[in-house]
Amino acid sequence: NMSCFAERLKELRRERRLSQAHVAKAVGLSKGAIGFWELDKRVPNLDAVIELAKFFNVSLDYIAGLED
């Protein structure tokens, strides 16, 4: 369920008080991509999800919304 991913990504970013631009730069993506994913307008590829999970130090299952 991608809307779980969108919510989880936004939550992780806000908890750490990071801008979309900061996260994008840290993982080598565009700010626009982060914005689209948080709005559930686009679906990231697996490589991007892996980089985000590493950046936020969470599991793939957690960032995908498969576990709490």
PDB file of N, CA and C in Angstrom:
ATOM      1  N   ASN A   1       0.856  -1.186   0.000  1.00  0.00           N
ATOM      2  CA  ASN A   1       0.000   0.000   0.000  1.00  0.00           C
ATOM      3  C   ASN A   1       0.895   1.241   0.000  1.00  0.00           C
ATOM      4  N   MET A   2       0.938   1.927  -1.116  1.00  0.00           N
ATOM      5  CA  MET A   2       1.861   3.046  -1.255  1.00  0.00           C
ATOM      6  C   MET A   2       1.481   4.234  -0.378  1.00  0.00           C
ATOM      7  N   SER A   3       0.202   4.399  -0.041  1.00  0.00           N
ATOM      8  CA  SER A   3      -0.139   5.531   0.816  1.00  0.00           C
ATOM      9  C   SER A   3       0.497   5.369   2.195  1.00  0.00           C
ATOM     10  N   CYS A   4       0.701   4.114   2.634  1.00  0.00           N
ATOM     11  CA  CYS A   4       1.431   3.878   3.888  1.00  0.00           C
ATOM     12  C   CYS A   4       2.866   4.394   3.752  1.00  0.00           C
ATOM     13  N   PHE A   5       3.485   4.118   2.604  1.00  0.00           N
ATOM     14  CA  PHE A   5       4.845   4.602   2.362  1.00  0.00           C
ATOM     15  C   PHE A   5       4.867   6.129   2.398  1.00  0.00           C
ATOM     16  N   ALA A   6       3.920   6.759   1.728  1.00  0.00           N
ATOM     17  CA  ALA A   6       3.873   8.223   1.673  1.00  0.00           C
ATOM     18  C   ALA A   6       3.783   8.810   3.082  1.00  0.00           C
ATOM     19  N   GLU A   7       2.898   8.248   3.896  1.00  0.00           N
ATOM     20  CA  GLU A   7       2.730   8.741   5.264  1.00  0.00           C
ATOM     21  C   GLU A   7       3.971   8.483   6.104  1.00  0.00           C
ATOM     22  N   ARG A   8       4.556   7.301   5.943  1.00  0.00           N
ATOM     23  CA  ARG A   8       5.733   6.929   6.728  1.00  0.00           C
ATOM     24  C   ARG A   8       6.911   7.832   6.367  1.00  0.00           C
ATOM     25  N   LEU A   9       7.108   8.094   5.083  1.00  0.00           N
ATOM     26  CA  LEU A   9       8.208   8.957   4.637  1.00  0.00           C
ATOM     27  C   LEU A   9       8.059  10.359   5.236  1.00  0.00           C
ATOM     28  N   LYS A  10       6.865  10.914   5.151  1.00  0.00           N
ATOM     29  CA  LYS A  10       6.617  12.251   5.689  1.00  0.00           C
ATOM     30  C   LYS A  10       6.865  12.268   7.203  1.00  0.00           C
ATOM     31  N   GLU A  11       6.368  11.235   7.872  1.00  0.00           N
ATOM     32  CA  GLU A  11       6.524  11.125   9.325  1.00  0.00           C
ATOM     33  C   GLU A  11       8.007  11.043   9.726  1.00  0.00           C
ATOM     34  N   LEU A  12       8.765  10.210   9.037  1.00  0.00           N
ATOM     35  CA  LEU A  12      10.192  10.063   9.335  1.00  0.00           C
ATOM     36  C   LEU A  12      10.929  11.387   9.134  1.00  0.00           C
ATOM     37  N   ARG A  13      10.609  12.070   8.051  1.00  0.00           N
ATOM     38  CA  ARG A  13      11.274  13.337   7.733  1.00  0.00           C
ATOM     39  C   ARG A  13      10.915  14.404   8.768  1.00  0.00           C
ATOM     40  N   ARG A  14       9.650  14.501   9.115  1.00  0.00           N
ATOM     41  CA  ARG A  14       9.211  15.534  10.063  1.00  0.00           C
ATOM     42  C   ARG A  14       9.722  15.274  11.471  1.00  0.00           C
ATOM     43  N   GLU A  15       9.749  13.996  11.876  1.00  0.00           N
ATOM     44  CA  GLU A  15      10.284  13.662  13.209  1.00  0.00           C
ATOM     45  C   GLU A  15      11.706  14.169  13.372  1.00  0.00           C
ATOM     46  N   ARG A  16      12.457  14.144  12.287  1.00  0.00           N
ATOM     47  CA  ARG A  16      13.862  14.562  12.313  1.00  0.00           C
ATOM     48  C   ARG A  16      14.033  16.033  11.937  1.00  0.00           C
ATOM     49  N   ARG A  17      12.912  16.702  11.711  1.00  0.00           N
ATOM     50  CA  ARG A  17      12.907  18.130  11.354  1.00  0.00           C
ATOM     51  C   ARG A  17      13.795  18.425  10.138  1.00  0.00           C
ATOM     52  N   LEU A  18      13.621  17.601   9.103  1.00  0.00           N
ATOM     53  CA  LEU A  18      14.400  17.762   7.878  1.00  0.00           C
ATOM     54  C   LEU A  18      13.499  18.263   6.761  1.00  0.00           C
ATOM     55  N   SER A  19      14.065  19.073   5.882  1.00  0.00           N
ATOM     56  CA  SER A  19      13.316  19.519   4.708  1.00  0.00           C
ATOM     57  C   SER A  19      13.344  18.429   3.643  1.00  0.00           C
ATOM     58  N   GLN A  20      12.427  18.519   2.702  1.00  0.00           N
ATOM     59  CA  GLN A  20      12.442  17.595   1.562  1.00  0.00           C
ATOM     60  C   GLN A  20      13.760  17.743   0.804  1.00  0.00           C
ATOM     61  N   ALA A  21      14.236  18.970   0.685  1.00  0.00           N
ATOM     62  CA  ALA A  21      15.492  19.219  -0.034  1.00  0.00           C
ATOM     63  C   ALA A  21      16.670  18.534   0.663  1.00  0.00           C
ATOM     64  N   HIS A  22      16.695  18.572   1.988  1.00  0.00           N
ATOM     65  CA  HIS A  22      17.785  17.946   2.739  1.00  0.00           C
ATOM     66  C   HIS A  22      17.795  16.438   2.510  1.00  0.00           C
ATOM     67  N   VAL A  23      16.631  15.818   2.625  1.00  0.00           N
ATOM     68  CA  VAL A  23      16.534  14.367   2.411  1.00  0.00           C
ATOM     69  C   VAL A  23      16.931  14.016   0.979  1.00  0.00           C
ATOM     70  N   ALA A  24      16.418  14.779   0.030  1.00  0.00           N
ATOM     71  CA  ALA A  24      16.716  14.523  -1.382  1.00  0.00           C
ATOM     72  C   ALA A  24      18.217  14.567  -1.648  1.00  0.00           C
ATOM     73  N   LYS A  25      18.872  15.604  -1.136  1.00  0.00           N
ATOM     74  CA  LYS A  25      20.312  15.750  -1.344  1.00  0.00           C
ATOM     75  C   LYS A  25      21.086  14.607  -0.691  1.00  0.00           C
ATOM     76  N   ALA A  26      20.664  14.224   0.506  1.00  0.00           N
ATOM     77  CA  ALA A  26      21.360  13.171   1.253  1.00  0.00           C
ATOM     78  C   ALA A  26      21.308  11.822   0.546  1.00  0.00           C
ATOM     79  N   VAL A  27      20.219  11.562  -0.160  1.00  0.00           N
ATOM     80  CA  VAL A  27      20.086  10.257  -0.833  1.00  0.00           C
ATOM     81  C   VAL A  27      20.252  10.350  -2.356  1.00  0.00           C
ATOM     82  N   GLY A  28      20.631  11.528  -2.839  1.00  0.00           N
ATOM     83  CA  GLY A  28      20.918  11.678  -4.265  1.00  0.00           C
ATOM     84  C   GLY A  28      19.697  11.680  -5.156  1.00  0.00           C
ATOM     85  N   LEU A  29      18.615  12.274  -4.665  1.00  0.00           N
ATOM     86  CA  LEU A  29      17.382  12.350  -5.442  1.00  0.00           C
ATOM     87  C   LEU A  29      16.950  13.807  -5.556  1.00  0.00           C
ATOM     88  N   SER A  30      15.894  14.047  -6.330  1.00  0.00           N
ATOM     89  CA  SER A  30      15.407  15.417  -6.457  1.00  0.00           C
ATOM     90  C   SER A  30      14.389  15.728  -5.362  1.00  0.00           C
ATOM     91  N   LYS A  31      14.317  16.999  -5.001  1.00  0.00           N
ATOM     92  CA  LYS A  31      13.331  17.442  -4.016  1.00  0.00           C
ATOM     93  C   LYS A  31      11.927  17.135  -4.532  1.00  0.00           C
ATOM     94  N   GLY A  32      11.745  17.292  -5.835  1.00  0.00           N
ATOM     95  CA  GLY A  32      10.436  17.010  -6.439  1.00  0.00           C
ATOM     96  C   GLY A  32      10.005  15.572  -6.226  1.00  0.00           C
ATOM     97  N   ALA A  33      10.963  14.649  -6.336  1.00  0.00           N
ATOM     98  CA  ALA A  33      10.645  13.230  -6.148  1.00  0.00           C
ATOM     99  C   ALA A  33      10.127  12.985  -4.736  1.00  0.00           C
ATOM    100  N   ILE A  34      10.815  13.550  -3.745  1.00  0.00           N
ATOM    101  CA  ILE A  34      10.394  13.375  -2.352  1.00  0.00           C
ATOM    102  C   ILE A  34       8.976  13.928  -2.177  1.00  0.00           C
ATOM    103  N   GLY A  35       8.727  15.095  -2.739  1.00  0.00           N
ATOM    104  CA  GLY A  35       7.403  15.713  -2.650  1.00  0.00           C
ATOM    105  C   GLY A  35       6.316  14.869  -3.278  1.00  0.00           C
ATOM    106  N   PHE A  36       6.570  14.348  -4.486  1.00  0.00           N
ATOM    107  CA  PHE A  36       5.588  13.500  -5.150  1.00  0.00           C
ATOM    108  C   PHE A  36       5.299  12.245  -4.341  1.00  0.00           C
ATOM    109  N   TRP A  37       6.352  11.649  -3.764  1.00  0.00           N
ATOM    110  CA  TRP A  37       6.151  10.425  -2.975  1.00  0.00           C
ATOM    111  C   TRP A  37       5.354  10.715  -1.719  1.00  0.00           C
ATOM    112  N   GLU A  38       5.646  11.829  -1.059  1.00  0.00           N
ATOM    113  CA  GLU A  38       4.910  12.169   0.157  1.00  0.00           C
ATOM    114  C   GLU A  38       3.442  12.465  -0.137  1.00  0.00           C
ATOM    115  N   LEU A  39       3.165  12.967  -1.318  1.00  0.00           N
ATOM    116  CA  LEU A  39       1.783  13.243  -1.723  1.00  0.00           C
ATOM    117  C   LEU A  39       1.119  12.011  -2.339  1.00  0.00           C
ATOM    118  N   ASP A  40       1.881  10.924  -2.429  1.00  0.00           N
ATOM    119  CA  ASP A  40       1.380   9.670  -3.016  1.00  0.00           C
ATOM    120  C   ASP A  40       0.999   9.845  -4.484  1.00  0.00           C
ATOM    121  N   LYS A  41       1.759  10.713  -5.184  1.00  0.00           N
ATOM    122  CA  LYS A  41       1.501  10.973  -6.604  1.00  0.00           C
ATOM    123  C   LYS A  41       2.349  10.088  -7.511  1.00  0.00           C
ATOM    124  N   ARG A  42       3.470   9.628  -6.986  1.00  0.00           N
ATOM    125  CA  ARG A  42       4.365   8.760  -7.754  1.00  0.00           C
ATOM    126  C   ARG A  42       4.876   7.664  -6.840  1.00  0.00           C
ATOM    127  N   VAL A  43       5.362   6.608  -7.466  1.00  0.00           N
ATOM    128  CA  VAL A  43       5.890   5.455  -6.729  1.00  0.00           C
ATOM    129  C   VAL A  43       7.405   5.407  -6.927  1.00  0.00           C
ATOM    130  N   PRO A  44       8.174   5.350  -5.844  1.00  0.00           N
ATOM    131  CA  PRO A  44       9.632   5.274  -5.972  1.00  0.00           C
ATOM    132  C   PRO A  44      10.072   3.890  -6.426  1.00  0.00           C
ATOM    133  N   ASN A  45      11.251   3.821  -7.037  1.00  0.00           N
ATOM    134  CA  ASN A  45      11.784   2.500  -7.368  1.00  0.00           C
ATOM    135  C   ASN A  45      12.440   1.902  -6.123  1.00  0.00           C
ATOM    136  N   LEU A  46      12.745   0.628  -6.201  1.00  0.00           N
ATOM    137  CA  LEU A  46      13.273  -0.078  -5.041  1.00  0.00           C
ATOM    138  C   LEU A  46      14.591   0.522  -4.558  1.00  0.00           C
ATOM    139  N   ASP A  47      15.466   0.906  -5.482  1.00  0.00           N
ATOM    140  CA  ASP A  47      16.748   1.499  -5.083  1.00  0.00           C
ATOM    141  C   ASP A  47      16.528   2.745  -4.221  1.00  0.00           C
ATOM    142  N   ALA A  48      15.561   3.559  -4.606  1.00  0.00           N
ATOM    143  CA  ALA A  48      15.278   4.782  -3.848  1.00  0.00           C
ATOM    144  C   ALA A  48      14.753   4.439  -2.455  1.00  0.00           C
ATOM    145  N   VAL A  49      13.878   3.440  -2.369  1.00  0.00           N
ATOM    146  CA  VAL A  49      13.326   3.056  -1.071  1.00  0.00           C
ATOM    147  C   VAL A  49      14.443   2.525  -0.165  1.00  0.00           C
ATOM    148  N   ILE A  50      15.352   1.751  -0.735  1.00  0.00           N
ATOM    149  CA  ILE A  50      16.493   1.224   0.032  1.00  0.00           C
ATOM    150  C   ILE A  50      17.341   2.379   0.563  1.00  0.00           C
ATOM    151  N   GLU A  51      17.641   3.358  -0.290  1.00  0.00           N
ATOM    152  CA  GLU A  51      18.451   4.506   0.139  1.00  0.00           C
ATOM    153  C   GLU A  51      17.750   5.289   1.249  1.00  0.00           C
ATOM    154  N   LEU A  52      16.444   5.467   1.129  1.00  0.00           N
ATOM    155  CA  LEU A  52      15.694   6.176   2.164  1.00  0.00           C
ATOM    156  C   LEU A  52      15.695   5.399   3.478  1.00  0.00           C
ATOM    157  N   ALA A  53      15.519   4.084   3.401  1.00  0.00           N
ATOM    158  CA  ALA A  53      15.538   3.255   4.621  1.00  0.00           C
ATOM    159  C   ALA A  53      16.895   3.351   5.310  1.00  0.00           C
ATOM    160  N   LYS A  54      17.965   3.317   4.517  1.00  0.00           N
ATOM    161  CA  LYS A  54      19.317   3.450   5.084  1.00  0.00           C
ATOM    162  C   LYS A  54      19.493   4.825   5.720  1.00  0.00           C
ATOM    163  N   PHE A  55      19.065   5.859   5.006  1.00  0.00           N
ATOM    164  CA  PHE A  55      19.211   7.223   5.501  1.00  0.00           C
ATOM    165  C   PHE A  55      18.496   7.403   6.837  1.00  0.00           C
ATOM    166  N   PHE A  56      17.267   6.889   6.933  1.00  0.00           N
ATOM    167  CA  PHE A  56      16.484   7.046   8.159  1.00  0.00           C
ATOM    168  C   PHE A  56      16.773   5.948   9.183  1.00  0.00           C
ATOM    169  N   ASN A  57      17.636   5.002   8.808  1.00  0.00           N
ATOM    170  CA  ASN A  57      18.009   3.900   9.691  1.00  0.00           C
ATOM    171  C   ASN A  57      16.786   3.101  10.165  1.00  0.00           C
ATOM    172  N   VAL A  58      15.943   2.751   9.192  1.00  0.00           N
ATOM    173  CA  VAL A  58      14.770   1.920   9.455  1.00  0.00           C
ATOM    174  C   VAL A  58      14.765   0.759   8.466  1.00  0.00           C
ATOM    175  N   SER A  59      13.955  -0.247   8.744  1.00  0.00           N
ATOM    176  CA  SER A  59      13.863  -1.401   7.844  1.00  0.00           C
ATOM    177  C   SER A  59      13.010  -1.058   6.629  1.00  0.00           C
ATOM    178  N   LEU A  60      13.177  -1.845   5.576  1.00  0.00           N
ATOM    179  CA  LEU A  60      12.333  -1.682   4.388  1.00  0.00           C
ATOM    180  C   LEU A  60      10.873  -1.925   4.757  1.00  0.00           C
ATOM    181  N   ASP A  61      10.622  -2.932   5.595  1.00  0.00           N
ATOM    182  CA  ASP A  61       9.245  -3.216   6.017  1.00  0.00           C
ATOM    183  C   ASP A  61       8.638  -2.012   6.734  1.00  0.00           C
ATOM    184  N   TYR A  62       9.435  -1.349   7.567  1.00  0.00           N
ATOM    185  CA  TYR A  62       8.917  -0.193   8.301  1.00  0.00           C
ATOM    186  C   TYR A  62       8.588   0.951   7.336  1.00  0.00           C
ATOM    187  N   ILE A  63       9.522   1.321   6.475  1.00  0.00           N
ATOM    188  CA  ILE A  63       9.278   2.468   5.597  1.00  0.00           C
ATOM    189  C   ILE A  63       8.159   2.187   4.597  1.00  0.00           C
ATOM    190  N   ALA A  64       7.983   0.904   4.262  1.00  0.00           N
ATOM    191  CA  ALA A  64       6.904   0.522   3.342  1.00  0.00           C
ATOM    192  C   ALA A  64       5.549   0.437   4.053  1.00  0.00           C
ATOM    193  N   GLY A  65       5.569   0.538   5.378  1.00  0.00           N
ATOM    194  CA  GLY A  65       4.320   0.476   6.119  1.00  0.00           C
ATOM    195  C   GLY A  65       3.841  -0.939   6.393  1.00  0.00           C
ATOM    196  N   LEU A  66       4.744  -1.916   6.245  1.00  0.00           N
ATOM    197  CA  LEU A  66       4.379  -3.314   6.471  1.00  0.00           C
ATOM    198  C   LEU A  66       4.478  -3.725   7.930  1.00  0.00           C
ATOM    199  N   GLU A  67       5.217  -2.936   8.711  1.00  0.00           N
ATOM    200  CA  GLU A  67       5.320  -3.202  10.149  1.00  0.00           C
ATOM    201  C   GLU A  67       5.426  -1.882  10.889  1.00  0.00           C
ATOM    202  N   ASP A  68       5.096  -1.925  12.179  1.00  0.00           N
ATOM    203  CA  ASP A  68       5.153  -0.711  13.000  1.00  0.00           C
ATOM    204  C   ASP A  68       6.482  -0.582  13.693  1.00  0.00           C
TER     205      ASP A  68
END
